[in-house]
Protein backbone atom coordinates (compact mmCIF):
# COMPACT_ATOMS: atom_id res chain seq x y z
CA MET A 1 13.68 -8.53 -2.52
CA ASN A 2 11.09 -11.16 -3.21
CA LEU A 3 8.20 -10.47 -5.38
CA THR A 4 5.07 -12.43 -5.61
CA ILE A 5 2.35 -11.39 -7.89
CA SER A 6 -0.80 -13.63 -8.06
CA GLY A 7 -4.58 -13.35 -8.88
CA HIS A 8 -7.74 -14.84 -7.17
CA HIS A 9 -10.46 -15.55 -9.56
CA LEU A 10 -8.33 -13.98 -12.23
CA GLU A 11 -5.22 -14.92 -14.49
CA VAL A 12 -2.24 -12.69 -14.10
CA THR A 13 -1.47 -11.70 -17.58
CA PRO A 14 2.04 -10.48 -18.63
CA ALA A 15 0.92 -6.88 -19.48
CA LEU A 16 -0.89 -6.86 -16.00
CA ARG A 17 2.51 -8.23 -14.37
CA GLU A 18 4.37 -5.55 -16.18
CA TYR A 19 2.05 -2.90 -15.20
CA VAL A 20 2.43 -3.64 -11.52
CA LEU A 21 6.31 -3.81 -11.76
CA THR A 22 6.36 -0.36 -13.38
CA LYS A 23 4.05 0.96 -10.43
CA LEU A 24 5.97 -0.68 -7.74
CA ASP A 25 9.43 0.70 -9.29
CA ARG A 26 8.10 4.37 -7.72
CA VAL A 27 7.99 2.70 -4.30
CA THR A 28 11.16 0.83 -4.13
CA ARG A 29 13.37 3.80 -5.53
CA HIS A 30 11.87 5.88 -2.52
CA PHE A 31 12.78 3.16 0.13
CA ASP A 32 15.57 0.45 -0.88
CA GLN A 33 15.50 -1.78 2.15
CA VAL A 34 12.51 -3.67 0.98
CA VAL A 35 12.54 -7.44 2.06
CA ASP A 36 9.52 -8.95 0.44
CA ILE A 37 6.45 -7.80 -1.68
CA ASN A 38 3.08 -9.67 -2.05
CA VAL A 39 0.56 -8.67 -4.53
CA LEU A 40 -2.85 -10.05 -4.80
CA LEU A 41 -5.16 -8.81 -7.60
CA THR A 42 -8.66 -10.15 -7.07
CA VAL A 43 -11.82 -10.17 -8.98
CA GLU A 44 -14.82 -10.13 -6.67
CA LYS A 45 -17.70 -12.35 -7.65
CA GLN A 46 -20.72 -9.92 -6.54
CA LYS A 47 -24.01 -9.08 -8.16
CA GLU A 48 -23.44 -5.41 -8.31
CA LYS A 49 -21.17 -4.13 -10.70
CA GLU A 50 -19.64 -1.39 -8.56
CA ARG A 51 -16.10 -1.90 -6.76
CA ARG A 52 -15.32 -5.45 -7.69
CA GLN A 53 -11.84 -5.39 -8.67
CA LYS A 54 -9.55 -5.38 -5.59
CA ALA A 55 -5.92 -5.09 -5.34
CA GLU A 56 -3.75 -5.68 -2.09
CA VAL A 57 -0.19 -5.38 -1.48
CA THR A 58 2.05 -6.36 1.63
CA VAL A 59 5.41 -4.94 1.70
CA HIS A 60 7.54 -6.35 4.38
CA VAL A 61 10.41 -3.94 5.23
CA LYS A 62 13.06 -4.47 8.04
CA GLY A 63 11.02 -3.99 11.20
CA ARG A 64 7.45 -3.82 9.84
CA ASP A 65 4.98 -5.20 7.52
CA ILE A 66 3.10 -2.55 5.60
CA PHE A 67 -0.42 -3.64 4.26
CA VAL A 68 -2.39 -1.63 1.72
CA GLU A 69 -5.81 -2.70 -0.22
CA GLN A 70 -7.66 -0.68 -2.72
CA ALA A 71 -10.94 -1.88 -4.71
CA HIS A 72 -12.34 -0.01 -7.88
CA GLU A 73 -14.32 -0.95 -10.93
CA ASP A 74 -11.07 -1.02 -13.23
CA LEU A 75 -8.37 -2.86 -11.80
CA TYR A 76 -5.89 -0.42 -13.38
CA ALA A 77 -7.19 2.47 -11.41
CA ALA A 78 -7.17 0.10 -8.44
CA ILE A 79 -3.39 -0.63 -8.86
CA ASP A 80 -2.73 3.30 -9.39
CA GLN A 81 -4.71 4.42 -6.33
CA LEU A 82 -3.15 1.18 -4.01
CA MET A 83 0.57 2.54 -5.25
CA ASP A 84 -0.28 5.97 -4.24
CA LYS A 85 -1.37 4.97 -0.82
CA LEU A 86 1.61 2.29 -0.38
CA ASP A 87 4.01 5.38 -1.47
CA ARG A 88 2.59 7.56 1.10
CA GLN A 89 2.91 4.69 3.70
CA VAL A 90 6.49 3.93 2.72
CA CYS A 91 7.83 7.44 3.03
CA ARG A 92 5.96 7.92 6.32
CA HIS A 93 7.91 4.64 7.62
CA LYS A 94 11.19 5.99 6.10
CA ASP A 95 10.58 9.40 8.14
CA LYS A 96 10.04 7.45 11.20
CA LEU A 97 13.45 5.36 10.71
CA GLN A 98 15.43 8.72 10.25
CA ASP A 99 16.77 10.39 13.44
CA HIS A 100 15.07 13.92 13.54
CA HIS A 101 16.21 14.44 17.04
CA HIS A 102 19.76 15.93 17.00
CA GLN A 103 21.85 16.59 19.89
CA ALA A 104 21.63 19.84 21.40
CA VAL A 105 25.04 21.41 21.19
CA LYS A 106 26.05 21.51 25.06
CA ARG A 107 27.30 24.71 26.74
CA MET A 108 30.80 24.99 26.94
CA ASP A 109 31.88 25.32 30.81
CA MET A 110 34.05 28.06 31.59
CA PRO A 111 37.15 27.46 33.71
CA ALA A 112 36.59 29.23 36.92
CA SER A 113 39.21 31.64 37.49
């Protein structure tokens, strides 16, 4: 699994990197067929203070890319909410991959006497 954590207008500190890794562990525990993960942490340069920290993640799994983004005043809260959303989407994708439609038991043909 390839993991890229990058920052835009922000330096990714070791503490921030470790926080993202511990949160991603929950997602990879649910679904182990993850090929690639890209995390982008952004501080938006806006005049208003509200919702300026943004976290985005793109998870490349077999057959699909899952993209989630979340903005919040606090970057750690944005990461928490982002991982909750990502976890739900990964679980939904995993459920779609599993075959829930089992073959019906065919009736046995009685031999004609």
